[in-house]
Amino acid sequence: MRTCTTGPDCNLGHLHDAEVHGAALFGTPVLYAAQGGPSKEAIADIDGDGELDVAVTNSTQGSISVFYGNGMGAFTTAYNVG
């Protein structure tokens, strides 16, 4: 997939699949608050429910923020460890 950035049929926020030439639209960004200094992230099924979750290291707090995926494109508020 590539990001479409120029041309008459391109709009910011479109992704074009190189094989089928389809488009995927992104909705309004949603911000999820982590603790101070979020620096690195990992995406995995952390809790074993079959949905992707996000873990973020927080460099200034020395902690990890975990956001559990709900399977519908959203995440819980942070569960902070450390």
Protein backbone atom coordinates (compact mmCIF):
# COMPACT_ATOMS: atom_id res chain seq x y z
CA MET A 1 0.00 0.00 0.00
CA ARG A 2 1.14 3.52 -0.64
CA THR A 3 -0.05 6.91 0.51
CA CYS A 4 -1.65 9.00 -2.21
CA THR A 5 -0.27 12.53 -1.93
CA THR A 6 -0.59 14.17 -5.36
CA GLY A 7 -2.88 14.19 -8.36
CA PRO A 8 -6.48 15.20 -9.09
CA ASP A 9 -8.01 12.05 -7.53
CA CYS A 10 -5.88 12.10 -4.36
CA ASN A 11 -6.99 13.46 -1.02
CA LEU A 12 -4.97 13.53 2.17
CA GLY A 13 -5.90 10.52 4.26
CA HIS A 14 -6.37 8.06 1.41
CA LEU A 15 -4.42 4.85 1.10
CA HIS A 16 -4.35 3.10 -2.22
CA ASP A 17 -3.88 -0.65 -2.49
CA ALA A 18 -1.39 -1.35 -5.27
CA GLU A 19 -3.20 -4.56 -6.30
CA VAL A 20 -6.87 -3.54 -6.39
CA HIS A 21 -6.53 0.25 -6.63
CA GLY A 22 -9.13 0.74 -3.90
CA ALA A 23 -9.16 3.48 -1.29
CA ALA A 24 -9.40 3.37 2.48
CA LEU A 25 -10.53 6.47 4.35
CA PHE A 26 -9.42 7.38 7.83
CA GLY A 27 -11.79 9.02 10.29
CA THR A 28 -11.04 11.87 12.64
CA PRO A 29 -7.94 11.11 14.75
CA VAL A 30 -8.57 9.98 18.32
CA LEU A 31 -5.99 10.87 20.96
CA TYR A 32 -5.18 8.40 23.74
CA ALA A 33 -3.31 9.82 26.73
CA ALA A 34 -0.24 7.97 27.93
CA GLN A 35 1.99 9.00 30.81
CA GLY A 36 4.91 11.43 30.30
CA GLY A 37 7.28 11.00 27.41
CA PRO A 38 5.74 8.25 25.27
CA SER A 39 8.60 7.03 23.10
CA LYS A 40 8.20 3.50 21.70
CA GLU A 41 5.17 1.40 20.93
CA ALA A 42 4.36 -2.27 20.34
CA ILE A 43 1.20 -3.76 18.86
CA ALA A 44 0.17 -7.28 19.92
CA ASP A 45 -2.68 -9.23 21.46
CA ILE A 46 -1.48 -8.62 25.01
CA ASP A 47 -4.51 -9.97 26.90
CA GLY A 48 -5.24 -12.97 24.65
CA ASP A 49 -8.74 -11.89 23.56
CA GLY A 50 -7.94 -12.00 19.83
CA GLU A 51 -7.88 -8.19 19.45
CA LEU A 52 -4.77 -6.05 18.92
CA ASP A 53 -3.62 -3.95 21.86
CA VAL A 54 -0.99 -1.20 22.05
CA ALA A 55 1.78 -0.85 24.66
CA VAL A 56 3.74 2.39 24.90
CA THR A 57 6.92 3.02 26.89
CA ASN A 58 6.97 6.34 28.75
CA SER A 59 10.56 7.57 28.99
CA THR A 60 10.08 10.36 31.54
CA GLN A 61 7.86 8.27 33.85
CA GLY A 62 9.73 4.96 33.59
CA SER A 63 6.41 3.23 32.94
CA ILE A 64 4.38 1.44 30.27
CA SER A 65 0.89 2.45 29.16
CA VAL A 66 -1.27 -0.37 27.77
CA PHE A 67 -4.33 0.36 25.63
CA TYR A 68 -6.58 -2.66 25.08
CA GLY A 69 -8.28 -2.91 21.69
CA ASN A 70 -12.05 -3.36 21.57
CA GLY A 71 -12.11 -4.99 18.12
CA MET A 72 -13.92 -2.03 16.56
CA GLY A 73 -10.96 0.28 15.95
CA ALA A 74 -10.86 1.91 19.39
CA PHE A 75 -8.93 1.35 22.61
CA THR A 76 -9.51 1.63 26.34
CA THR A 77 -8.00 4.41 28.40
CA ALA A 78 -4.45 3.64 29.53
CA TYR A 79 -3.68 0.97 32.07
CA ASN A 80 -0.33 2.22 33.42
CA VAL A 81 2.32 -0.10 34.81
CA GLY A 82 5.37 1.08 36.70
